[in-house]
Amino acid sequence: MNDLLNAAFTPIRLEVINDSAKHHGHAGDDGSGESHFTVVIESESFVGKSRLERQRMVNAALGDIPGQRVHALAIRAVAPGEAW
């Protein structure tokens, strides 16, 4: 995910956090330890875009990862200068 997001957005800040351990035994936990993630990304690419547009951009950059290989993906995408 890091490589795909870096290539698509040249982010100022990027964190891909594996939350899978918090969801062990819950729906979508396939036992791989890579089922639930949070993405925190700050990029100029998000200037003037709505929250929904930003989420769609991140999902598009990740291709088949969300929904196929990853059960849940939380996205926090901001433009430079916006509050986290």
PDB file of N, CA and C in Angstrom:
ATOM      1  N   MET A   1       0.826  -1.188   0.000  1.00  0.00           N
ATOM      2  CA  MET A   1       0.000   0.000   0.000  1.00  0.00           C
ATOM      3  C   MET A   1       0.873   1.255   0.000  1.00  0.00           C
ATOM      4  N   ASN A   2       1.955   1.215   0.775  1.00  0.00           N
ATOM      5  CA  ASN A   2       2.852   2.376   0.824  1.00  0.00           C
ATOM      6  C   ASN A   2       3.343   2.757  -0.569  1.00  0.00           C
ATOM      7  N   ASP A   3       3.824   1.785  -1.321  1.00  0.00           N
ATOM      8  CA  ASP A   3       4.369   2.066  -2.653  1.00  0.00           C
ATOM      9  C   ASP A   3       3.316   2.657  -3.582  1.00  0.00           C
ATOM     10  N   LEU A   4       2.126   2.082  -3.575  1.00  0.00           N
ATOM     11  CA  LEU A   4       1.051   2.560  -4.455  1.00  0.00           C
ATOM     12  C   LEU A   4       0.649   3.990  -4.101  1.00  0.00           C
ATOM     13  N   LEU A   5       0.514   4.277  -2.809  1.00  0.00           N
ATOM     14  CA  LEU A   5       0.094   5.616  -2.378  1.00  0.00           C
ATOM     15  C   LEU A   5       1.199   6.644  -2.607  1.00  0.00           C
ATOM     16  N   ASN A   6       2.438   6.270  -2.373  1.00  0.00           N
ATOM     17  CA  ASN A   6       3.549   7.187  -2.657  1.00  0.00           C
ATOM     18  C   ASN A   6       3.604   7.526  -4.140  1.00  0.00           C
ATOM     19  N   ALA A   7       3.416   6.541  -4.985  1.00  0.00           N
ATOM     20  CA  ALA A   7       3.466   6.766  -6.433  1.00  0.00           C
ATOM     21  C   ALA A   7       2.310   7.640  -6.912  1.00  0.00           C
ATOM     22  N   ALA A   8       1.137   7.438  -6.353  1.00  0.00           N
ATOM     23  CA  ALA A   8      -0.052   8.159  -6.815  1.00  0.00           C
ATOM     24  C   ALA A   8      -0.131   9.597  -6.298  1.00  0.00           C
ATOM     25  N   PHE A   9       0.351   9.838  -5.071  1.00  0.00           N
ATOM     26  CA  PHE A   9       0.093  11.133  -4.434  1.00  0.00           C
ATOM     27  C   PHE A   9       1.321  11.920  -3.993  1.00  0.00           C
ATOM     28  N   THR A  10       2.505  11.357  -4.031  1.00  0.00           N
ATOM     29  CA  THR A  10       3.703  12.014  -3.509  1.00  0.00           C
ATOM     30  C   THR A  10       3.369  12.726  -2.193  1.00  0.00           C
ATOM     31  N   PRO A  11       2.954  11.966  -1.197  1.00  0.00           N
ATOM     32  CA  PRO A  11       2.457  12.573   0.031  1.00  0.00           C
ATOM     33  C   PRO A  11       3.537  13.260   0.870  1.00  0.00           C
ATOM     34  N   ILE A  12       3.092  14.263   1.613  1.00  0.00           N
ATOM     35  CA  ILE A  12       3.928  14.936   2.604  1.00  0.00           C
ATOM     36  C   ILE A  12       4.018  14.053   3.838  1.00  0.00           C
ATOM     37  N   ARG A  13       2.916  13.397   4.130  1.00  0.00           N
ATOM     38  CA  ARG A  13       2.831  12.477   5.273  1.00  0.00           C
ATOM     39  C   ARG A  13       2.047  11.258   4.828  1.00  0.00           C
ATOM     40  N   LEU A  14       2.530  10.091   5.208  1.00  0.00           N
ATOM     41  CA  LEU A  14       1.822   8.847   4.899  1.00  0.00           C
ATOM     42  C   LEU A  14       2.060   7.851   6.021  1.00  0.00           C
ATOM     43  N   GLU A  15       0.970   7.352   6.566  1.00  0.00           N
ATOM     44  CA  GLU A  15       1.031   6.275   7.549  1.00  0.00           C
ATOM     45  C   GLU A  15       0.036   5.208   7.131  1.00  0.00           C
ATOM     46  N   VAL A  16       0.493   3.985   7.043  1.00  0.00           N
ATOM     47  CA  VAL A  16      -0.380   2.840   6.813  1.00  0.00           C
ATOM     48  C   VAL A  16      -0.296   2.006   8.085  1.00  0.00           C
ATOM     49  N   ILE A  17      -1.393   1.988   8.817  1.00  0.00           N
ATOM     50  CA  ILE A  17      -1.422   1.370  10.136  1.00  0.00           C
ATOM     51  C   ILE A  17      -2.211   0.068  10.069  1.00  0.00           C
ATOM     52  N   ASN A  18      -1.592  -1.011  10.496  1.00  0.00           N
ATOM     53  CA  ASN A  18      -2.250  -2.310  10.512  1.00  0.00           C
ATOM     54  C   ASN A  18      -3.049  -2.426  11.810  1.00  0.00           C
ATOM     55  N   ASP A  19      -4.378  -2.393  11.694  1.00  0.00           N
ATOM     56  CA  ASP A  19      -5.291  -2.486  12.834  1.00  0.00           C
ATOM     57  C   ASP A  19      -5.833  -3.896  13.029  1.00  0.00           C
ATOM     58  N   SER A  20      -5.310  -4.861  12.307  1.00  0.00           N
ATOM     59  CA  SER A  20      -5.877  -6.208  12.277  1.00  0.00           C
ATOM     60  C   SER A  20      -5.953  -6.863  13.654  1.00  0.00           C
ATOM     61  N   ALA A  21      -4.959  -6.650  14.487  1.00  0.00           N
ATOM     62  CA  ALA A  21      -4.949  -7.283  15.808  1.00  0.00           C
ATOM     63  C   ALA A  21      -6.150  -6.851  16.657  1.00  0.00           C
ATOM     64  N   LYS A  22      -6.629  -5.636  16.433  1.00  0.00           N
ATOM     65  CA  LYS A  22      -7.791  -5.132  17.175  1.00  0.00           C
ATOM     66  C   LYS A  22      -9.082  -5.833  16.751  1.00  0.00           C
ATOM     67  N   HIS A  23      -9.055  -6.505  15.617  1.00  0.00           N
ATOM     68  CA  HIS A  23     -10.260  -7.116  15.049  1.00  0.00           C
ATOM     69  C   HIS A  23     -10.176  -8.636  14.989  1.00  0.00           C
ATOM     70  N   HIS A  24      -9.213  -9.211  15.680  1.00  0.00           N
ATOM     71  CA  HIS A  24      -9.043 -10.666  15.687  1.00  0.00           C
ATOM     72  C   HIS A  24     -10.334 -11.349  16.132  1.00  0.00           C
ATOM     73  N   GLY A  25     -10.813 -12.265  15.323  1.00  0.00           N
ATOM     74  CA  GLY A  25     -12.033 -12.993  15.631  1.00  0.00           C
ATOM     75  C   GLY A  25     -13.311 -12.318  15.170  1.00  0.00           C
ATOM     76  N   HIS A  26     -13.210 -11.094  14.672  1.00  0.00           N
ATOM     77  CA  HIS A  26     -14.388 -10.362  14.181  1.00  0.00           C
ATOM     78  C   HIS A  26     -14.623 -10.683  12.706  1.00  0.00           C
ATOM     79  N   ALA A  27     -15.720 -10.187  12.187  1.00  0.00           N
ATOM     80  CA  ALA A  27     -16.036 -10.375  10.767  1.00  0.00           C
ATOM     81  C   ALA A  27     -14.908  -9.817   9.913  1.00  0.00           C
ATOM     82  N   GLY A  28     -14.536 -10.554   8.905  1.00  0.00           N
ATOM     83  CA  GLY A  28     -13.505 -10.110   7.984  1.00  0.00           C
ATOM     84  C   GLY A  28     -12.098 -10.492   8.387  1.00  0.00           C
ATOM     85  N   ASP A  29     -11.921 -10.997   9.597  1.00  0.00           N
ATOM     86  CA  ASP A  29     -10.602 -11.439  10.031  1.00  0.00           C
ATOM     87  C   ASP A  29     -10.329 -12.796   9.401  1.00  0.00           C
ATOM     88  N   ASP A  30      -9.395 -12.817   8.447  1.00  0.00           N
ATOM     89  CA  ASP A  30      -9.096 -14.064   7.744  1.00  0.00           C
ATOM     90  C   ASP A  30      -7.915 -14.810   8.356  1.00  0.00           C
ATOM     91  N   GLY A  31      -7.404 -14.299   9.476  1.00  0.00           N
ATOM     92  CA  GLY A  31      -6.290 -14.937  10.144  1.00  0.00           C
ATOM     93  C   GLY A  31      -4.925 -14.560   9.591  1.00  0.00           C
ATOM     94  N   SER A  32      -4.884 -13.759   8.544  1.00  0.00           N
ATOM     95  CA  SER A  32      -3.616 -13.378   7.925  1.00  0.00           C
ATOM     96  C   SER A  32      -2.882 -12.288   8.699  1.00  0.00           C
ATOM     97  N   GLY A  33      -3.623 -11.580   9.551  1.00  0.00           N
ATOM     98  CA  GLY A  33      -3.025 -10.449  10.250  1.00  0.00           C
ATOM     99  C   GLY A  33      -2.947  -9.208   9.388  1.00  0.00           C
ATOM    100  N   GLU A  34      -3.604  -9.244   8.231  1.00  0.00           N
ATOM    101  CA  GLU A  34      -3.611  -8.107   7.315  1.00  0.00           C
ATOM    102  C   GLU A  34      -5.007  -7.890   6.733  1.00  0.00           C
ATOM    103  N   SER A  35      -5.977  -7.717   7.624  1.00  0.00           N
ATOM    104  CA  SER A  35      -7.366  -7.580   7.175  1.00  0.00           C
ATOM    105  C   SER A  35      -7.959  -6.193   7.407  1.00  0.00           C
ATOM    106  N   HIS A  36      -7.419  -5.438   8.360  1.00  0.00           N
ATOM    107  CA  HIS A  36      -7.952  -4.125   8.720  1.00  0.00           C
ATOM    108  C   HIS A  36      -6.805  -3.109   8.781  1.00  0.00           C
ATOM    109  N   PHE A  37      -6.964  -1.982   8.060  1.00  0.00           N
ATOM    110  CA  PHE A  37      -5.924  -0.966   8.016  1.00  0.00           C
ATOM    111  C   PHE A  37      -6.511   0.434   8.129  1.00  0.00           C
ATOM    112  N   THR A  38      -5.688   1.357   8.588  1.00  0.00           N
ATOM    113  CA  THR A  38      -5.991   2.783   8.561  1.00  0.00           C
ATOM    114  C   THR A  38      -4.907   3.452   7.725  1.00  0.00           C
ATOM    115  N   VAL A  39      -5.327   4.324   6.803  1.00  0.00           N
ATOM    116  CA  VAL A  39      -4.397   5.109   6.002  1.00  0.00           C
ATOM    117  C   VAL A  39      -4.559   6.566   6.409  1.00  0.00           C
ATOM    118  N   VAL A  40      -3.450   7.190   6.778  1.00  0.00           N
ATOM    119  CA  VAL A  40      -3.400   8.616   7.076  1.00  0.00           C
ATOM    120  C   VAL A  40      -2.482   9.224   6.031  1.00  0.00           C
ATOM    121  N   ILE A  41      -3.022  10.135   5.228  1.00  0.00           N
ATOM    122  CA  ILE A  41      -2.239  10.675   4.114  1.00  0.00           C
ATOM    123  C   ILE A  41      -2.504  12.171   3.945  1.00  0.00           C
ATOM    124  N   GLU A  42      -1.426  12.906   3.739  1.00  0.00           N
ATOM    125  CA  GLU A  42      -1.499  14.346   3.474  1.00  0.00           C
ATOM    126  C   GLU A  42      -0.812  14.605   2.135  1.00  0.00           C
ATOM    127  N   SER A  43      -1.549  15.237   1.229  1.00  0.00           N
ATOM    128  CA  SER A  43      -1.000  15.455  -0.105  1.00  0.00           C
ATOM    129  C   SER A  43      -1.635  16.668  -0.777  1.00  0.00           C
ATOM    130  N   GLU A  44      -0.850  17.326  -1.614  1.00  0.00           N
ATOM    131  CA  GLU A  44      -1.354  18.432  -2.440  1.00  0.00           C
ATOM    132  C   GLU A  44      -2.476  17.949  -3.367  1.00  0.00           C
ATOM    133  N   SER A  45      -2.487  16.678  -3.681  1.00  0.00           N
ATOM    134  CA  SER A  45      -3.499  16.115  -4.588  1.00  0.00           C
ATOM    135  C   SER A  45      -4.913  16.287  -4.055  1.00  0.00           C
ATOM    136  N   PHE A  46      -5.058  16.507  -2.752  1.00  0.00           N
ATOM    137  CA  PHE A  46      -6.379  16.590  -2.143  1.00  0.00           C
ATOM    138  C   PHE A  46      -6.918  18.020  -2.025  1.00  0.00           C
ATOM    139  N   VAL A  47      -6.134  19.001  -2.441  1.00  0.00           N
ATOM    140  CA  VAL A  47      -6.580  20.394  -2.382  1.00  0.00           C
ATOM    141  C   VAL A  47      -7.832  20.560  -3.240  1.00  0.00           C
ATOM    142  N   GLY A  48      -8.867  21.149  -2.656  1.00  0.00           N
ATOM    143  CA  GLY A  48     -10.111  21.417  -3.382  1.00  0.00           C
ATOM    144  C   GLY A  48     -11.011  20.216  -3.573  1.00  0.00           C
ATOM    145  N   LYS A  49     -10.659  19.086  -3.003  1.00  0.00           N
ATOM    146  CA  LYS A  49     -11.453  17.861  -3.147  1.00  0.00           C
ATOM    147  C   LYS A  49     -12.269  17.620  -1.883  1.00  0.00           C
ATOM    148  N   SER A  50     -13.456  17.073  -2.055  1.00  0.00           N
ATOM    149  CA  SER A  50     -14.303  16.723  -0.908  1.00  0.00           C
ATOM    150  C   SER A  50     -13.765  15.463  -0.233  1.00  0.00           C
ATOM    151  N   ARG A  51     -14.256  15.197   0.961  1.00  0.00           N
ATOM    152  CA  ARG A  51     -13.841  13.996   1.691  1.00  0.00           C
ATOM    153  C   ARG A  51     -14.125  12.738   0.867  1.00  0.00           C
ATOM    154  N   LEU A  52     -15.282  12.685   0.234  1.00  0.00           N
ATOM    155  CA  LEU A  52     -15.650  11.521  -0.577  1.00  0.00           C
ATOM    156  C   LEU A  52     -14.729  11.387  -1.792  1.00  0.00           C
ATOM    157  N   GLU A  53     -14.438  12.496  -2.458  1.00  0.00           N
ATOM    158  CA  GLU A  53     -13.532  12.451  -3.608  1.00  0.00           C
ATOM    159  C   GLU A  53     -12.149  11.939  -3.194  1.00  0.00           C
ATOM    160  N   ARG A  54     -11.681  12.381  -2.046  1.00  0.00           N
ATOM    161  CA  ARG A  54     -10.372  11.946  -1.553  1.00  0.00           C
ATOM    162  C   ARG A  54     -10.365  10.443  -1.279  1.00  0.00           C
ATOM    163  N   GLN A  55     -11.416   9.961  -0.649  1.00  0.00           N
ATOM    164  CA  GLN A  55     -11.500   8.529  -0.365  1.00  0.00           C
ATOM    165  C   GLN A  55     -11.551   7.718  -1.655  1.00  0.00           C
ATOM    166  N   ARG A  56     -12.276   8.195  -2.625  1.00  0.00           N
ATOM    167  CA  ARG A  56     -12.340   7.516  -3.915  1.00  0.00           C
ATOM    168  C   ARG A  56     -10.974   7.504  -4.602  1.00  0.00           C
ATOM    169  N   MET A  57     -10.234   8.599  -4.483  1.00  0.00           N
ATOM    170  CA  MET A  57      -8.904   8.680  -5.072  1.00  0.00           C
ATOM    171  C   MET A  57      -7.962   7.652  -4.436  1.00  0.00           C
ATOM    172  N   VAL A  58      -8.015   7.552  -3.110  1.00  0.00           N
ATOM    173  CA  VAL A  58      -7.163   6.591  -2.405  1.00  0.00           C
ATOM    174  C   VAL A  58      -7.551   5.170  -2.794  1.00  0.00           C
ATOM    175  N   ASN A  59      -8.843   4.864  -2.791  1.00  0.00           N
ATOM    176  CA  ASN A  59      -9.297   3.524  -3.182  1.00  0.00           C
ATOM    177  C   ASN A  59      -8.876   3.189  -4.606  1.00  0.00           C
ATOM    178  N   ALA A  60      -8.976   4.152  -5.514  1.00  0.00           N
ATOM    179  CA  ALA A  60      -8.577   3.914  -6.905  1.00  0.00           C
ATOM    180  C   ALA A  60      -7.080   3.628  -6.988  1.00  0.00           C
ATOM    181  N   ALA A  61      -6.284   4.353  -6.220  1.00  0.00           N
ATOM    182  CA  ALA A  61      -4.830   4.138  -6.239  1.00  0.00           C
ATOM    183  C   ALA A  61      -4.466   2.756  -5.710  1.00  0.00           C
ATOM    184  N   LEU A  62      -5.274   2.230  -4.792  1.00  0.00           N
ATOM    185  CA  LEU A  62      -4.989   0.923  -4.195  1.00  0.00           C
ATOM    186  C   LEU A  62      -5.521  -0.247  -5.018  1.00  0.00           C
ATOM    187  N   GLY A  63      -6.268   0.042  -6.055  1.00  0.00           N
ATOM    188  CA  GLY A  63      -6.746  -1.019  -6.943  1.00  0.00           C
ATOM    189  C   GLY A  63      -7.607  -2.050  -6.243  1.00  0.00           C
ATOM    190  N   ASP A  64      -7.231  -3.323  -6.344  1.00  0.00           N
ATOM    191  CA  ASP A  64      -8.057  -4.406  -5.803  1.00  0.00           C
ATOM    192  C   ASP A  64      -7.792  -4.693  -4.326  1.00  0.00           C
ATOM    193  N   ILE A  65      -6.933  -3.925  -3.688  1.00  0.00           N
ATOM    194  CA  ILE A  65      -6.618  -4.200  -2.284  1.00  0.00           C
ATOM    195  C   ILE A  65      -7.844  -4.024  -1.384  1.00  0.00           C
ATOM    196  N   PRO A  66      -8.520  -2.854  -1.385  1.00  0.00           N
ATOM    197  CA  PRO A  66      -9.720  -2.733  -0.546  1.00  0.00           C
ATOM    198  C   PRO A  66     -10.845  -3.612  -1.103  1.00  0.00           C
ATOM    199  N   GLY A  67     -11.426  -4.403  -0.233  1.00  0.00           N
ATOM    200  CA  GLY A  67     -12.543  -5.241  -0.647  1.00  0.00           C
ATOM    201  C   GLY A  67     -12.150  -6.616  -1.149  1.00  0.00           C
ATOM    202  N   GLN A  68     -10.916  -6.781  -1.562  1.00  0.00           N
ATOM    203  CA  GLN A  68     -10.443  -8.079  -2.022  1.00  0.00           C
ATOM    204  C   GLN A  68      -9.468  -8.678  -1.018  1.00  0.00           C
ATOM    205  N   ARG A  69      -8.336  -8.024  -0.860  1.00  0.00           N
ATOM    206  CA  ARG A  69      -7.316  -8.530   0.057  1.00  0.00           C
ATOM    207  C   ARG A  69      -7.420  -7.916   1.447  1.00  0.00           C
ATOM    208  N   VAL A  70      -8.069  -6.767   1.566  1.00  0.00           N
ATOM    209  CA  VAL A  70      -8.246  -6.091   2.848  1.00  0.00           C
ATOM    210  C   VAL A  70      -9.746  -5.947   3.104  1.00  0.00           C
ATOM    211  N   HIS A  71     -10.174  -6.389   4.275  1.00  0.00           N
ATOM    212  CA  HIS A  71     -11.598  -6.342   4.612  1.00  0.00           C
ATOM    213  C   HIS A  71     -12.063  -4.921   4.932  1.00  0.00           C
ATOM    214  N   ALA A  72     -11.265  -4.168   5.699  1.00  0.00           N
ATOM    215  CA  ALA A  72     -11.680  -2.833   6.123  1.00  0.00           C
ATOM    216  C   ALA A  72     -10.521  -1.853   5.986  1.00  0.00           C
ATOM    217  N   LEU A  73     -10.845  -0.665   5.464  1.00  0.00           N
ATOM    218  CA  LEU A  73      -9.844   0.371   5.273  1.00  0.00           C
ATOM    219  C   LEU A  73     -10.432   1.702   5.719  1.00  0.00           C
ATOM    220  N   ALA A  74      -9.857   2.277   6.764  1.00  0.00           N
ATOM    221  CA  ALA A  74     -10.235   3.619   7.215  1.00  0.00           C
ATOM    222  C   ALA A  74      -9.265   4.596   6.559  1.00  0.00           C
ATOM    223  N   ILE A  75      -9.800   5.682   6.008  1.00  0.00           N
ATOM    224  CA  ILE A  75      -8.970   6.642   5.284  1.00  0.00           C
ATOM    225  C   ILE A  75      -9.132   8.026   5.892  1.00  0.00           C
ATOM    226  N   ARG A  76      -7.999   8.648   6.220  1.00  0.00           N
ATOM    227  CA  ARG A  76      -7.968  10.043   6.662  1.00  0.00           C
ATOM    228  C   ARG A  76      -7.060  10.765   5.688  1.00  0.00           C
ATOM    229  N   ALA A  77      -7.652  11.438   4.714  1.00  0.00           N
ATOM    230  CA  ALA A  77      -6.898  12.120   3.661  1.00  0.00           C
ATOM    231  C   ALA A  77      -7.111  13.622   3.783  1.00  0.00           C
ATOM    232  N   VAL A  78      -6.006  14.366   3.898  1.00  0.00           N
ATOM    233  CA  VAL A  78      -6.089  15.805   4.053  1.00  0.00           C
ATOM    234  C   VAL A  78      -5.133  16.502   3.093  1.00  0.00           C
ATOM    235  N   ALA A  79      -5.457  17.767   2.822  1.00  0.00           N
ATOM    236  CA  ALA A  79      -4.573  18.627   2.051  1.00  0.00           C
ATOM    237  C   ALA A  79      -3.639  19.344   3.031  1.00  0.00           C
ATOM    238  N   PRO A  80      -2.495  19.808   2.555  1.00  0.00           N
ATOM    239  CA  PRO A  80      -1.566  20.518   3.439  1.00  0.00           C
ATOM    240  C   PRO A  80      -2.253  21.696   4.146  1.00  0.00           C
ATOM    241  N   GLY A  81      -1.968  21.826   5.427  1.00  0.00           N
ATOM    242  CA  GLY A  81      -2.541  22.908   6.217  1.00  0.00           C
ATOM    243  C   GLY A  81      -3.874  22.602   6.861  1.00  0.00           C
ATOM    244  N   GLU A  82      -4.507  21.515   6.460  1.00  0.00           N
ATOM    245  CA  GLU A  82      -5.790  21.136   7.076  1.00  0.00           C
ATOM    246  C   GLU A  82      -5.538  20.430   8.412  1.00  0.00           C
ATOM    247  N   ALA A  83      -6.492  20.566   9.304  1.00  0.00           N
ATOM    248  CA  ALA A  83      -6.393  19.917  10.609  1.00  0.00           C
ATOM    249  C   ALA A  83      -6.558  18.416  10.461  1.00  0.00           C
ATOM    250  N   TRP A  84      -5.830  17.685  11.297  1.00  0.00           N
ATOM    251  CA  TRP A  84      -5.949  16.235  11.316  1.00  0.00           C
ATOM    252  C   TRP A  84      -7.134  15.899  12.146  1.00  0.00           C
TER     253      TRP A  84
END
